[in-house]
PDB file of N, CA and C in Angstrom:
ATOM      1  N   MET A   1       0.843  -1.175   0.000  1.00  0.00           N
ATOM      2  CA  MET A   1       0.000   0.000   0.000  1.00  0.00           C
ATOM      3  C   MET A   1       0.895   1.247   0.000  1.00  0.00           C
ATOM      4  N   ARG A   2       0.594   2.170  -0.870  1.00  0.00           N
ATOM      5  CA  ARG A   2       1.395   3.390  -0.973  1.00  0.00           C
ATOM      6  C   ARG A   2       0.975   4.390   0.100  1.00  0.00           C
ATOM      7  N   PRO A   3       1.925   5.072   0.699  1.00  0.00           N
ATOM      8  CA  PRO A   3       1.564   6.065   1.709  1.00  0.00           C
ATOM      9  C   PRO A   3       0.902   7.299   1.106  1.00  0.00           C
ATOM     10  N   ASN A   4       1.359   7.723  -0.061  1.00  0.00           N
ATOM     11  CA  ASN A   4       0.795   8.914  -0.718  1.00  0.00           C
ATOM     12  C   ASN A   4       0.503   8.603  -2.182  1.00  0.00           C
ATOM     13  N   PRO A   5      -0.755   8.359  -2.530  1.00  0.00           N
ATOM     14  CA  PRO A   5      -1.052   8.095  -3.938  1.00  0.00           C
ATOM     15  C   PRO A   5      -0.816   9.355  -4.773  1.00  0.00           C
ATOM     16  N   PRO A   6      -0.390   9.205  -6.029  1.00  0.00           N
ATOM     17  CA  PRO A   6      -0.144  10.386  -6.867  1.00  0.00           C
ATOM     18  C   PRO A   6      -1.431  11.149  -7.139  1.00  0.00           C
ATOM     19  N   GLN A   7      -1.334  12.465  -7.116  1.00  0.00           N
ATOM     20  CA  GLN A   7      -2.500  13.299  -7.376  1.00  0.00           C
ATOM     21  C   GLN A   7      -2.613  13.566  -8.870  1.00  0.00           C
ATOM     22  N   SER A   8      -3.826  13.679  -9.328  1.00  0.00           N
ATOM     23  CA  SER A   8      -4.080  13.951 -10.737  1.00  0.00           C
ATOM     24  C   SER A   8      -3.753  15.406 -11.058  1.00  0.00           C
ATOM     25  N   THR A   9      -3.121  15.615 -12.200  1.00  0.00           N
ATOM     26  CA  THR A   9      -2.832  16.978 -12.643  1.00  0.00           C
ATOM     27  C   THR A   9      -3.799  17.422 -13.735  1.00  0.00           C
ATOM     28  N   ALA A  10      -4.787  16.582 -14.037  1.00  0.00           N
ATOM     29  CA  ALA A  10      -5.764  16.932 -15.062  1.00  0.00           C
ATOM     30  C   ALA A  10      -6.657  18.058 -14.552  1.00  0.00           C
ATOM     31  N   PRO A  11      -6.923  19.059 -15.383  1.00  0.00           N
ATOM     32  CA  PRO A  11      -7.777  20.157 -14.939  1.00  0.00           C
ATOM     33  C   PRO A  11      -9.237  19.717 -14.818  1.00  0.00           C
ATOM     34  N   ALA A  12      -9.959  20.370 -13.932  1.00  0.00           N
ATOM     35  CA  ALA A  12     -11.386  20.083 -13.763  1.00  0.00           C
ATOM     36  C   ALA A  12     -12.157  20.674 -14.946  1.00  0.00           C
ATOM     37  N   ALA A  13     -13.242  20.032 -15.294  1.00  0.00           N
ATOM     38  CA  ALA A  13     -14.038  20.469 -16.441  1.00  0.00           C
ATOM     39  C   ALA A  13     -15.131  21.423 -15.978  1.00  0.00           C
ATOM     40  N   GLY A  14     -15.035  22.669 -16.392  1.00  0.00           N
ATOM     41  CA  GLY A  14     -16.057  23.650 -16.050  1.00  0.00           C
ATOM     42  C   GLY A  14     -16.964  23.980 -17.208  1.00  0.00           C
ATOM     43  N   GLY A  15     -16.607  23.524 -18.406  1.00  0.00           N
ATOM     44  CA  GLY A  15     -17.420  23.815 -19.586  1.00  0.00           C
ATOM     45  C   GLY A  15     -18.790  23.187 -19.531  1.00  0.00           C
ATOM     46  N   CYS A  16     -18.899  22.043 -18.849  1.00  0.00           N
ATOM     47  CA  CYS A  16     -20.203  21.398 -18.738  1.00  0.00           C
ATOM     48  C   CYS A  16     -21.154  22.268 -17.927  1.00  0.00           C
ATOM     49  N   LEU A  17     -20.632  23.018 -16.975  1.00  0.00           N
ATOM     50  CA  LEU A  17     -21.483  23.914 -16.191  1.00  0.00           C
ATOM     51  C   LEU A  17     -22.029  25.044 -17.049  1.00  0.00           C
ATOM     52  N   LEU A  18     -21.212  25.504 -17.975  1.00  0.00           N
ATOM     53  CA  LEU A  18     -21.668  26.540 -18.893  1.00  0.00           C
ATOM     54  C   LEU A  18     -22.787  26.010 -19.784  1.00  0.00           C
ATOM     55  N   ALA A  19     -22.610  24.807 -20.309  1.00  0.00           N
ATOM     56  CA  ALA A  19     -23.634  24.203 -21.163  1.00  0.00           C
ATOM     57  C   ALA A  19     -24.916  23.951 -20.378  1.00  0.00           C
ATOM     58  N   LEU A  20     -24.784  23.445 -19.147  1.00  0.00           N
ATOM     59  CA  LEU A  20     -25.975  23.210 -18.331  1.00  0.00           C
ATOM     60  C   LEU A  20     -26.692  24.522 -17.999  1.00  0.00           C
ATOM     61  N   GLY A  21     -25.928  25.584 -17.814  1.00  0.00           N
ATOM     62  CA  GLY A  21     -26.532  26.889 -17.555  1.00  0.00           C
ATOM     63  C   GLY A  21     -27.355  27.373 -18.725  1.00  0.00           C
ATOM     64  N   VAL A  22     -26.837  27.190 -19.937  1.00  0.00           N
ATOM     65  CA  VAL A  22     -27.575  27.620 -21.131  1.00  0.00           C
ATOM     66  C   VAL A  22     -28.870  26.817 -21.276  1.00  0.00           C
ATOM     67  N   VAL A  23     -28.754  25.504 -21.138  1.00  0.00           N
ATOM     68  CA  VAL A  23     -29.943  24.652 -21.286  1.00  0.00           C
ATOM     69  C   VAL A  23     -30.945  24.923 -20.170  1.00  0.00           C
ATOM     70  N   GLY A  24     -30.449  25.008 -18.938  1.00  0.00           N
ATOM     71  CA  GLY A  24     -31.345  25.289 -17.811  1.00  0.00           C
ATOM     72  C   GLY A  24     -32.005  26.658 -17.926  1.00  0.00           C
ATOM     73  N   GLY A  25     -31.245  27.640 -18.374  1.00  0.00           N
ATOM     74  CA  GLY A  25     -31.817  28.973 -18.565  1.00  0.00           C
ATOM     75  C   GLY A  25     -32.863  28.995 -19.655  1.00  0.00           C
ATOM     76  N   ALA A  26     -32.624  28.246 -20.726  1.00  0.00           N
ATOM     77  CA  ALA A  26     -33.603  28.182 -21.812  1.00  0.00           C
ATOM     78  C   ALA A  26     -34.894  27.521 -21.345  1.00  0.00           C
ATOM     79  N   VAL A  27     -34.759  26.437 -20.584  1.00  0.00           N
ATOM     80  CA  VAL A  27     -35.954  25.750 -20.070  1.00  0.00           C
ATOM     81  C   VAL A  27     -36.731  26.660 -19.117  1.00  0.00           C
ATOM     82  N   ALA A  28     -36.014  27.308 -18.207  1.00  0.00           N
ATOM     83  CA  ALA A  28     -36.672  28.234 -17.282  1.00  0.00           C
ATOM     84  C   ALA A  28     -37.306  29.399 -18.040  1.00  0.00           C
ATOM     85  N   GLY A  29     -36.609  29.890 -19.056  1.00  0.00           N
ATOM     86  CA  GLY A  29     -37.153  30.984 -19.858  1.00  0.00           C
ATOM     87  C   GLY A  29     -38.409  30.589 -20.616  1.00  0.00           C
ATOM     88  N   ILE A  30     -38.435  29.372 -21.126  1.00  0.00           N
ATOM     89  CA  ILE A  30     -39.631  28.896 -21.827  1.00  0.00           C
ATOM     90  C   ILE A  30     -40.809  28.818 -20.868  1.00  0.00           C
ATOM     91  N   MET A  31     -40.551  28.330 -19.657  1.00  0.00           N
ATOM     92  CA  MET A  31     -41.636  28.217 -18.678  1.00  0.00           C
ATOM     93  C   MET A  31     -42.156  29.588 -18.254  1.00  0.00           C
ATOM     94  N   LEU A  32     -41.287  30.601 -18.277  1.00  0.00           N
ATOM     95  CA  LEU A  32     -41.692  31.952 -17.880  1.00  0.00           C
ATOM     96  C   LEU A  32     -42.005  32.849 -19.067  1.00  0.00           C
ATOM     97  N   HIS A  33     -42.004  32.278 -20.275  1.00  0.00           N
ATOM     98  CA  HIS A  33     -42.275  33.016 -21.520  1.00  0.00           C
ATOM     99  C   HIS A  33     -41.277  34.154 -21.739  1.00  0.00           C
ATOM    100  N   GLN A  34     -40.027  33.940 -21.316  1.00  0.00           N
ATOM    101  CA  GLN A  34     -38.941  34.905 -21.497  1.00  0.00           C
ATOM    102  C   GLN A  34     -37.688  34.135 -21.910  1.00  0.00           C
ATOM    103  N   THR A  35     -37.739  33.531 -23.097  1.00  0.00           N
ATOM    104  CA  THR A  35     -36.674  32.626 -23.512  1.00  0.00           C
ATOM    105  C   THR A  35     -35.315  33.320 -23.596  1.00  0.00           C
ATOM    106  N   SER A  36     -35.263  34.474 -24.229  1.00  0.00           N
ATOM    107  CA  SER A  36     -33.982  35.171 -24.393  1.00  0.00           C
ATOM    108  C   SER A  36     -33.377  35.558 -23.045  1.00  0.00           C
ATOM    109  N   LEU A  37     -34.204  36.052 -22.163  1.00  0.00           N
ATOM    110  CA  LEU A  37     -33.725  36.428 -20.837  1.00  0.00           C
ATOM    111  C   LEU A  37     -33.236  35.195 -20.075  1.00  0.00           C
ATOM    112  N   GLY A  38     -33.935  34.095 -20.208  1.00  0.00           N
ATOM    113  CA  GLY A  38     -33.525  32.862 -19.553  1.00  0.00           C
ATOM    114  C   GLY A  38     -32.175  32.380 -20.048  1.00  0.00           C
ATOM    115  N   ILE A  39     -31.969  32.452 -21.369  1.00  0.00           N
ATOM    116  CA  ILE A  39     -30.692  32.022 -21.928  1.00  0.00           C
ATOM    117  C   ILE A  39     -29.565  32.932 -21.445  1.00  0.00           C
ATOM    118  N   ILE A  40     -29.797  34.224 -21.443  1.00  0.00           N
ATOM    119  CA  ILE A  40     -28.769  35.167 -20.985  1.00  0.00           C
ATOM    120  C   ILE A  40     -28.419  34.924 -19.525  1.00  0.00           C
ATOM    121  N   LEU A  41     -29.437  34.743 -18.692  1.00  0.00           N
ATOM    122  CA  LEU A  41     -29.165  34.480 -17.274  1.00  0.00           C
ATOM    123  C   LEU A  41     -28.508  33.114 -17.081  1.00  0.00           C
ATOM    124  N   GLY A  42     -28.878  32.136 -17.904  1.00  0.00           N
ATOM    125  CA  GLY A  42     -28.254  30.819 -17.828  1.00  0.00           C
ATOM    126  C   GLY A  42     -26.785  30.870 -18.206  1.00  0.00           C
ATOM    127  N   VAL A  43     -26.463  31.648 -19.243  1.00  0.00           N
ATOM    128  CA  VAL A  43     -25.065  31.805 -19.638  1.00  0.00           C
ATOM    129  C   VAL A  43     -24.283  32.493 -18.519  1.00  0.00           C
ATOM    130  N   ALA A  44     -24.881  33.515 -17.920  1.00  0.00           N
ATOM    131  CA  ALA A  44     -24.197  34.219 -16.831  1.00  0.00           C
ATOM    132  C   ALA A  44     -23.963  33.296 -15.642  1.00  0.00           C
ATOM    133  N   ALA A  45     -24.972  32.527 -15.260  1.00  0.00           N
ATOM    134  CA  ALA A  45     -24.822  31.610 -14.124  1.00  0.00           C
ATOM    135  C   ALA A  45     -23.796  30.521 -14.438  1.00  0.00           C
ATOM    136  N   GLY A  46     -23.835  29.990 -15.658  1.00  0.00           N
ATOM    137  CA  GLY A  46     -22.868  28.966 -16.052  1.00  0.00           C
ATOM    138  C   GLY A  46     -21.453  29.505 -16.086  1.00  0.00           C
ATOM    139  N   ALA A  47     -21.292  30.738 -16.560  1.00  0.00           N
ATOM    140  CA  ALA A  47     -19.966  31.346 -16.612  1.00  0.00           C
ATOM    141  C   ALA A  47     -19.416  31.586 -15.209  1.00  0.00           C
ATOM    142  N   ILE A  48     -20.280  31.999 -14.300  1.00  0.00           N
ATOM    143  CA  ILE A  48     -19.844  32.199 -12.915  1.00  0.00           C
ATOM    144  C   ILE A  48     -19.424  30.867 -12.299  1.00  0.00           C
ATOM    145  N   ALA A  49     -20.233  29.822 -12.522  1.00  0.00           N
ATOM    146  CA  ALA A  49     -19.903  28.500 -11.973  1.00  0.00           C
ATOM    147  C   ALA A  49     -18.601  27.966 -12.575  1.00  0.00           C
ATOM    148  N   ALA A  50     -18.418  28.133 -13.896  1.00  0.00           N
ATOM    149  CA  ALA A  50     -17.196  27.657 -14.544  1.00  0.00           C
ATOM    150  C   ALA A  50     -15.978  28.430 -14.042  1.00  0.00           C
ATOM    151  N   THR A  51     -16.145  29.719 -13.789  1.00  0.00           N
ATOM    152  CA  THR A  51     -15.042  30.524 -13.263  1.00  0.00           C
ATOM    153  C   THR A  51     -14.669  30.077 -11.856  1.00  0.00           C
ATOM    154  N   ILE A  52     -15.666  29.760 -11.046  1.00  0.00           N
ATOM    155  CA  ILE A  52     -15.390  29.277  -9.694  1.00  0.00           C
ATOM    156  C   ILE A  52     -14.629  27.954  -9.748  1.00  0.00           C
ATOM    157  N   VAL A  53     -15.053  27.055 -10.644  1.00  0.00           N
ATOM    158  CA  VAL A  53     -14.353  25.777 -10.799  1.00  0.00           C
ATOM    159  C   VAL A  53     -12.915  26.029 -11.248  1.00  0.00           C
ATOM    160  N   PHE A  54     -12.716  26.945 -12.191  1.00  0.00           N
ATOM    161  CA  PHE A  54     -11.373  27.272 -12.662  1.00  0.00           C
ATOM    162  C   PHE A  54     -10.500  27.804 -11.535  1.00  0.00           C
ATOM    163  N   LEU A  55     -11.037  28.708 -10.730  1.00  0.00           N
ATOM    164  CA  LEU A  55     -10.248  29.297  -9.651  1.00  0.00           C
ATOM    165  C   LEU A  55      -9.899  28.271  -8.581  1.00  0.00           C
ATOM    166  N   ILE A  56     -10.849  27.408  -8.260  1.00  0.00           N
ATOM    167  CA  ILE A  56     -10.562  26.348  -7.283  1.00  0.00           C
ATOM    168  C   ILE A  56      -9.526  25.389  -7.835  1.00  0.00           C
ATOM    169  N   ASP A  57      -9.655  25.026  -9.113  1.00  0.00           N
ATOM    170  CA  ASP A  57      -8.717  24.094  -9.719  1.00  0.00           C
ATOM    171  C   ASP A  57      -7.321  24.695  -9.842  1.00  0.00           C
ATOM    172  N   ARG A  58      -7.249  25.975 -10.111  1.00  0.00           N
ATOM    173  CA  ARG A  58      -5.951  26.642 -10.233  1.00  0.00           C
ATOM    174  C   ARG A  58      -5.209  26.659  -8.907  1.00  0.00           C
ATOM    175  N   ARG A  59      -5.963  26.716  -7.819  1.00  0.00           N
ATOM    176  CA  ARG A  59      -5.358  26.753  -6.491  1.00  0.00           C
ATOM    177  C   ARG A  59      -4.733  25.416  -6.102  1.00  0.00           C
ATOM    178  N   ARG A  60      -5.231  24.305  -6.696  1.00  0.00           N
ATOM    179  CA  ARG A  60      -4.704  22.973  -6.360  1.00  0.00           C
ATOM    180  C   ARG A  60      -3.273  22.819  -6.752  1.00  0.00           C
TER     181      ARG A  60
END
């Protein structure tokens, strides 16, 4: 048994959060009859989440 297993140097994937934000925003926008606004807010939320993942991953 190894005392310290090697840590992965692969970066975390934040792009999926951006894609989920766009899709989630579009769905929410359709339900509220504001599709464009939903997509814009979804992109903003996804970009914020992806940036947070990037900053956390950069710190590792």
